[in-house]
Amino acid sequence: MILGRLATEIAIRLRGKHKPSFSTFIDNGDFVVVTNADKIRLTGRKWDQKKYYRHTGYIGSIKESTAQELIEKHPTDVLYKAVKGMLPKNKLGRQQLKKLKLFAGPEHTHAAQMPVDLDIKQK
């Protein structure tokens, strides 16, 4: 799937906005397990033009990498950063982000929890 479309669906499930009991100040979202996170797509020339920045803490030491470089090093970070940007920037958002489990391949370690497949329509 395309990165943004998948990230919005994940953020909605993490926040619990798909439930009738949704409230902005209560964490009643679901756990989300994503497999094959390394197979996401970006449209256009975003693989080369989209930049991700990080700072080491030292003066003048900002580092930048493209989406292609980031997905080669850390395959799940692109999706993680996209979902993190869609959640609230407070204690509740950090709590909801802990419910996201990302795996680059088809295997995951949460089979004992019996996850239910979620069919997200691709447009």
N, C-alpha and C. Protein backbone atom coordinates (compact mmCIF):
# COMPACT_ATOMS: atom_id res chain seq x y z
N MET A 1 0.83 -1.18 0.00
CA MET A 1 0.00 0.00 0.00
C MET A 1 0.87 1.24 0.00
N ILE A 2 0.24 2.33 -0.30
CA ILE A 2 0.91 3.61 -0.28
C ILE A 2 1.08 4.05 1.18
N LEU A 3 2.20 4.67 1.48
CA LEU A 3 2.59 4.99 2.85
C LEU A 3 1.54 5.81 3.59
N GLY A 4 1.08 6.89 3.04
CA GLY A 4 0.14 7.77 3.74
C GLY A 4 -1.21 7.13 3.99
N ARG A 5 -1.69 6.38 3.02
CA ARG A 5 -3.00 5.73 3.17
C ARG A 5 -2.97 4.64 4.25
N LEU A 6 -1.87 3.92 4.30
CA LEU A 6 -1.73 2.90 5.33
C LEU A 6 -1.55 3.54 6.71
N ALA A 7 -0.76 4.61 6.77
CA ALA A 7 -0.49 5.27 8.05
C ALA A 7 -1.76 5.88 8.64
N THR A 8 -2.64 6.42 7.82
CA THR A 8 -3.88 7.00 8.37
C THR A 8 -4.78 5.91 8.94
N GLU A 9 -4.86 4.78 8.27
CA GLU A 9 -5.68 3.68 8.79
C GLU A 9 -5.12 3.16 10.12
N ILE A 10 -3.81 3.06 10.19
CA ILE A 10 -3.19 2.59 11.43
C ILE A 10 -3.42 3.59 12.55
N ALA A 11 -3.28 4.88 12.26
CA ALA A 11 -3.48 5.91 13.29
C ALA A 11 -4.92 5.93 13.79
N ILE A 12 -5.86 5.72 12.91
CA ILE A 12 -7.28 5.66 13.32
C ILE A 12 -7.51 4.49 14.26
N ARG A 13 -6.92 3.32 13.94
CA ARG A 13 -7.09 2.13 14.79
C ARG A 13 -6.39 2.30 16.13
N LEU A 14 -5.22 2.93 16.14
CA LEU A 14 -4.49 3.13 17.39
C LEU A 14 -5.24 4.10 18.31
N ARG A 15 -5.85 5.12 17.77
CA ARG A 15 -6.55 6.10 18.57
C ARG A 15 -7.92 5.59 19.02
N GLY A 16 -8.51 4.66 18.27
CA GLY A 16 -9.83 4.14 18.61
C GLY A 16 -10.95 4.93 17.98
N LYS A 17 -10.66 5.69 16.93
CA LYS A 17 -11.69 6.53 16.30
C LYS A 17 -12.71 5.70 15.53
N HIS A 18 -12.43 4.44 15.29
CA HIS A 18 -13.37 3.58 14.58
C HIS A 18 -14.44 3.00 15.52
N LYS A 19 -14.32 3.25 16.81
CA LYS A 19 -15.26 2.71 17.79
C LYS A 19 -16.29 3.77 18.18
N PRO A 20 -17.51 3.36 18.49
CA PRO A 20 -18.51 4.34 18.93
C PRO A 20 -18.20 4.92 20.30
N SER A 21 -17.34 4.27 21.07
CA SER A 21 -17.00 4.77 22.40
C SER A 21 -15.76 5.67 22.38
N PHE A 22 -15.43 6.25 21.23
CA PHE A 22 -14.23 7.09 21.11
C PHE A 22 -14.35 8.34 21.98
N SER A 23 -13.28 8.62 22.67
CA SER A 23 -13.17 9.85 23.44
C SER A 23 -11.75 10.37 23.27
N THR A 24 -11.59 11.68 23.21
CA THR A 24 -10.29 12.25 22.89
C THR A 24 -9.27 12.08 24.01
N PHE A 25 -9.71 11.89 25.23
CA PHE A 25 -8.80 11.85 26.36
C PHE A 25 -8.61 10.46 26.95
N ILE A 26 -9.17 9.43 26.31
CA ILE A 26 -9.06 8.06 26.79
C ILE A 26 -8.41 7.21 25.70
N ASP A 27 -7.51 6.36 26.10
CA ASP A 27 -6.86 5.44 25.16
C ASP A 27 -7.69 4.17 25.07
N ASN A 28 -8.58 4.10 24.08
CA ASN A 28 -9.37 2.89 23.90
C ASN A 28 -9.15 2.31 22.50
N GLY A 29 -7.95 2.54 21.95
CA GLY A 29 -7.61 2.02 20.64
C GLY A 29 -7.17 0.56 20.72
N ASP A 30 -6.89 0.01 19.57
CA ASP A 30 -6.50 -1.39 19.46
C ASP A 30 -5.00 -1.50 19.23
N PHE A 31 -4.47 -2.67 19.51
CA PHE A 31 -3.09 -2.97 19.13
C PHE A 31 -3.08 -3.25 17.63
N VAL A 32 -2.04 -2.82 16.95
CA VAL A 32 -1.93 -3.02 15.51
C VAL A 32 -0.59 -3.69 15.23
N VAL A 33 -0.65 -4.83 14.54
CA VAL A 33 0.54 -5.55 14.14
C VAL A 33 0.63 -5.46 12.61
N VAL A 34 1.71 -4.88 12.12
CA VAL A 34 1.90 -4.69 10.68
C VAL A 34 3.04 -5.60 10.24
N THR A 35 2.76 -6.44 9.26
CA THR A 35 3.80 -7.27 8.67
C THR A 35 4.10 -6.74 7.27
N ASN A 36 5.25 -7.12 6.76
CA ASN A 36 5.72 -6.66 5.44
C ASN A 36 5.76 -5.14 5.35
N ALA A 37 6.23 -4.50 6.40
CA ALA A 37 6.31 -3.05 6.41
C ALA A 37 7.36 -2.53 5.44
N ASP A 38 8.25 -3.39 4.99
CA ASP A 38 9.27 -2.94 4.04
C ASP A 38 8.75 -2.86 2.61
N LYS A 39 7.52 -3.29 2.37
CA LYS A 39 6.96 -3.30 1.02
C LYS A 39 6.01 -2.13 0.76
N ILE A 40 6.13 -1.07 1.54
CA ILE A 40 5.29 0.09 1.30
C ILE A 40 5.73 0.80 0.04
N ARG A 41 4.83 1.63 -0.50
CA ARG A 41 5.14 2.36 -1.73
C ARG A 41 5.04 3.85 -1.48
N LEU A 42 5.78 4.59 -2.26
CA LEU A 42 5.69 6.04 -2.29
C LEU A 42 5.43 6.43 -3.74
N THR A 43 4.62 7.45 -3.95
CA THR A 43 4.30 7.87 -5.30
C THR A 43 5.26 8.95 -5.77
N GLY A 44 5.34 9.10 -7.05
CA GLY A 44 6.19 10.15 -7.62
C GLY A 44 7.66 9.89 -7.38
N ARG A 45 8.40 10.96 -7.14
CA ARG A 45 9.84 10.86 -6.91
C ARG A 45 10.18 10.99 -5.44
N LYS A 46 9.25 10.60 -4.56
CA LYS A 46 9.45 10.77 -3.13
C LYS A 46 10.56 9.88 -2.58
N TRP A 47 10.88 8.78 -3.24
CA TRP A 47 11.97 7.93 -2.76
C TRP A 47 13.27 8.71 -2.70
N ASP A 48 13.45 9.64 -3.64
CA ASP A 48 14.69 10.42 -3.68
C ASP A 48 14.53 11.81 -3.10
N GLN A 49 13.33 12.38 -3.12
CA GLN A 49 13.14 13.76 -2.70
C GLN A 49 12.71 13.92 -1.25
N LYS A 50 12.05 12.93 -0.69
CA LYS A 50 11.58 13.04 0.70
C LYS A 50 12.77 12.89 1.64
N LYS A 51 12.93 13.85 2.54
CA LYS A 51 14.07 13.88 3.45
C LYS A 51 13.60 13.62 4.88
N TYR A 52 14.41 12.88 5.60
CA TYR A 52 14.19 12.64 7.03
C TYR A 52 15.40 13.21 7.76
N TYR A 53 15.14 13.98 8.81
CA TYR A 53 16.20 14.66 9.55
C TYR A 53 16.29 14.09 10.96
N ARG A 54 17.52 14.10 11.48
CA ARG A 54 17.75 13.74 12.87
C ARG A 54 18.93 14.58 13.36
N HIS A 55 18.98 14.82 14.65
CA HIS A 55 20.01 15.66 15.22
C HIS A 55 20.72 14.88 16.31
N THR A 56 22.06 14.95 16.30
CA THR A 56 22.83 14.18 17.26
C THR A 56 22.92 14.85 18.61
N GLY A 57 22.61 16.14 18.68
CA GLY A 57 22.71 16.87 19.93
C GLY A 57 23.89 17.82 19.96
N TYR A 58 24.81 17.64 19.04
CA TYR A 58 25.96 18.54 18.94
C TYR A 58 25.63 19.70 18.00
N ILE A 59 26.33 20.79 18.17
CA ILE A 59 26.08 21.98 17.36
C ILE A 59 26.41 21.69 15.90
N GLY A 60 25.48 22.03 15.02
CA GLY A 60 25.70 21.89 13.59
C GLY A 60 25.76 20.46 13.10
N SER A 61 25.20 19.53 13.82
CA SER A 61 25.31 18.13 13.43
C SER A 61 23.96 17.54 13.08
N ILE A 62 23.23 18.24 12.22
CA ILE A 62 21.96 17.69 11.75
C ILE A 62 22.27 16.73 10.60
N LYS A 63 21.63 15.58 10.62
CA LYS A 63 21.85 14.56 9.60
C LYS A 63 20.58 14.42 8.79
N GLU A 64 20.73 14.19 7.51
CA GLU A 64 19.56 13.99 6.65
C GLU A 64 19.76 12.74 5.82
N SER A 65 18.65 12.07 5.53
CA SER A 65 18.68 10.91 4.66
C SER A 65 17.40 10.87 3.87
N THR A 66 17.44 10.27 2.70
CA THR A 66 16.26 10.16 1.87
C THR A 66 15.45 8.94 2.32
N ALA A 67 14.25 8.84 1.79
CA ALA A 67 13.39 7.72 2.15
C ALA A 67 14.00 6.40 1.70
N GLN A 68 14.67 6.39 0.56
CA GLN A 68 15.31 5.18 0.05
C GLN A 68 16.43 4.72 0.98
N GLU A 69 17.25 5.66 1.44
CA GLU A 69 18.34 5.31 2.35
C GLU A 69 17.81 4.81 3.69
N LEU A 70 16.74 5.44 4.18
CA LEU A 70 16.18 5.05 5.48
C LEU A 70 15.56 3.67 5.43
N ILE A 71 14.87 3.35 4.35
CA ILE A 71 14.22 2.05 4.28
C ILE A 71 15.24 0.93 4.04
N GLU A 72 16.39 1.25 3.47
CA GLU A 72 17.43 0.24 3.32
C GLU A 72 18.07 -0.08 4.66
N LYS A 73 18.28 0.95 5.51
CA LYS A 73 18.89 0.74 6.82
C LYS A 73 17.89 0.18 7.83
N HIS A 74 16.76 0.85 7.96
CA HIS A 74 15.73 0.47 8.94
C HIS A 74 14.39 0.40 8.20
N PRO A 75 13.96 -0.78 7.77
CA PRO A 75 12.79 -0.91 6.91
C PRO A 75 11.47 -0.44 7.54
N THR A 76 11.37 -0.43 8.86
CA THR A 76 10.10 -0.07 9.47
C THR A 76 10.03 1.39 9.90
N ASP A 77 11.14 2.11 9.85
CA ASP A 77 11.16 3.48 10.38
C ASP A 77 10.33 4.46 9.58
N VAL A 78 10.22 4.26 8.27
CA VAL A 78 9.44 5.19 7.44
C VAL A 78 7.97 5.15 7.85
N LEU A 79 7.43 3.96 8.03
CA LEU A 79 6.04 3.82 8.45
C LEU A 79 5.86 4.27 9.89
N TYR A 80 6.82 3.98 10.75
CA TYR A 80 6.74 4.40 12.15
C TYR A 80 6.68 5.93 12.26
N LYS A 81 7.53 6.62 11.52
CA LYS A 81 7.55 8.08 11.57
C LYS A 81 6.28 8.68 10.99
N ALA A 82 5.71 8.05 9.99
CA ALA A 82 4.47 8.55 9.39
C ALA A 82 3.30 8.43 10.38
N VAL A 83 3.22 7.30 11.08
CA VAL A 83 2.14 7.10 12.05
C VAL A 83 2.36 8.01 13.26
N LYS A 84 3.59 8.16 13.69
CA LYS A 84 3.90 9.00 14.85
C LYS A 84 3.49 10.45 14.60
N GLY A 85 3.64 10.91 13.38
CA GLY A 85 3.25 12.27 13.05
C GLY A 85 1.76 12.48 13.05
N MET A 86 0.97 11.42 12.97
CA MET A 86 -0.48 11.53 12.92
C MET A 86 -1.14 11.37 14.29
N LEU A 87 -0.37 11.02 15.30
CA LEU A 87 -0.92 10.86 16.65
C LEU A 87 -0.70 12.13 17.46
N PRO A 88 -1.43 12.31 18.56
CA PRO A 88 -1.26 13.51 19.38
C PRO A 88 0.16 13.60 19.95
N LYS A 89 0.63 14.82 20.10
CA LYS A 89 1.99 15.04 20.61
C LYS A 89 1.93 15.26 22.11
N ASN A 90 1.52 14.25 22.85
CA ASN A 90 1.44 14.33 24.31
C ASN A 90 1.58 12.93 24.89
N LYS A 91 1.33 12.82 26.18
CA LYS A 91 1.50 11.54 26.87
C LYS A 91 0.57 10.47 26.29
N LEU A 92 -0.63 10.86 25.89
CA LEU A 92 -1.59 9.92 25.34
C LEU A 92 -1.11 9.38 23.99
N GLY A 93 -0.53 10.25 23.17
CA GLY A 93 -0.02 9.81 21.88
C GLY A 93 1.14 8.85 22.02
N ARG A 94 2.02 9.09 22.98
CA ARG A 94 3.13 8.17 23.22
C ARG A 94 2.63 6.82 23.71
N GLN A 95 1.58 6.84 24.52
CA GLN A 95 0.98 5.60 25.02
C GLN A 95 0.34 4.82 23.87
N GLN A 96 -0.31 5.52 22.95
CA GLN A 96 -0.95 4.86 21.82
C GLN A 96 0.08 4.32 20.83
N LEU A 97 1.20 5.00 20.70
CA LEU A 97 2.23 4.56 19.77
C LEU A 97 2.89 3.26 20.22
N LYS A 98 2.86 2.99 21.52
CA LYS A 98 3.42 1.74 22.02
C LYS A 98 2.59 0.52 21.59
N LYS A 99 1.37 0.75 21.13
CA LYS A 99 0.52 -0.33 20.68
C LYS A 99 0.78 -0.73 19.23
N LEU A 100 1.70 -0.04 18.58
CA LEU A 100 2.04 -0.34 17.19
C LEU A 100 3.22 -1.29 17.15
N LYS A 101 3.05 -2.41 16.48
CA LYS A 101 4.10 -3.41 16.34
C LYS A 101 4.39 -3.57 14.84
N LEU A 102 5.61 -3.24 14.43
CA LEU A 102 6.00 -3.27 13.02
C LEU A 102 7.01 -4.37 12.77
N PHE A 103 6.84 -5.09 11.67
CA PHE A 103 7.75 -6.16 11.27
C PHE A 103 8.03 -6.04 9.79
N ALA A 104 9.29 -6.16 9.41
CA ALA A 104 9.68 -6.00 8.01
C ALA A 104 9.24 -7.20 7.17
N GLY A 105 9.27 -8.38 7.72
CA GLY A 105 8.92 -9.58 6.97
C GLY A 105 7.52 -10.07 7.29
N PRO A 106 7.16 -11.23 6.74
CA PRO A 106 5.81 -11.75 6.97
C PRO A 106 5.61 -12.42 8.34
N GLU A 107 6.70 -12.76 9.05
CA GLU A 107 6.57 -13.39 10.35
C GLU A 107 6.54 -12.34 11.45
N HIS A 108 5.79 -12.64 12.50
CA HIS A 108 5.77 -11.76 13.67
C HIS A 108 5.70 -12.61 14.93
N THR A 109 5.96 -11.97 16.06
CA THR A 109 6.05 -12.70 17.34
C THR A 109 4.77 -12.63 18.15
N HIS A 110 3.68 -12.19 17.56
CA HIS A 110 2.44 -12.01 18.31
C HIS A 110 1.36 -13.02 17.90
N ALA A 111 1.75 -14.19 17.48
CA ALA A 111 0.78 -15.21 17.07
C ALA A 111 -0.03 -15.71 18.26
N ALA A 112 0.53 -15.68 19.47
CA ALA A 112 -0.18 -16.16 20.65
C ALA A 112 -1.36 -15.27 21.00
N GLN A 113 -1.34 -14.02 20.57
CA GLN A 113 -2.44 -13.11 20.85
C GLN A 113 -3.58 -13.26 19.86
N MET A 114 -3.42 -14.13 18.88
CA MET A 114 -4.42 -14.43 17.85
C MET A 114 -4.93 -13.15 17.17
N PRO A 115 -4.06 -12.44 16.45
CA PRO A 115 -4.51 -11.22 15.79
C PRO A 115 -5.48 -11.52 14.65
N VAL A 116 -6.40 -10.61 14.43
CA VAL A 116 -7.40 -10.74 13.37
C VAL A 116 -6.92 -9.93 12.18
N ASP A 117 -7.00 -10.51 10.99
CA ASP A 117 -6.57 -9.80 9.78
C ASP A 117 -7.54 -8.65 9.51
N LEU A 118 -6.97 -7.52 9.15
CA LEU A 118 -7.75 -6.34 8.82
C LEU A 118 -7.58 -6.09 7.34
N ASP A 119 -8.68 -6.12 6.60
CA ASP A 119 -8.63 -5.93 5.16
C ASP A 119 -8.82 -4.45 4.87
N ILE A 120 -7.74 -3.78 4.49
CA ILE A 120 -7.80 -2.37 4.15
C ILE A 120 -7.85 -2.28 2.64
N LYS A 121 -8.88 -1.65 2.14
CA LYS A 121 -9.06 -1.53 0.69
C LYS A 121 -8.05 -0.54 0.13
N GLN A 122 -7.40 -0.93 -0.95
CA GLN A 122 -6.47 -0.05 -1.62
C GLN A 122 -7.21 0.67 -2.73
N LYS A 123 -7.08 1.98 -2.76
CA LYS A 123 -7.84 2.76 -3.75
C LYS A 123 -7.02 3.07 -4.96
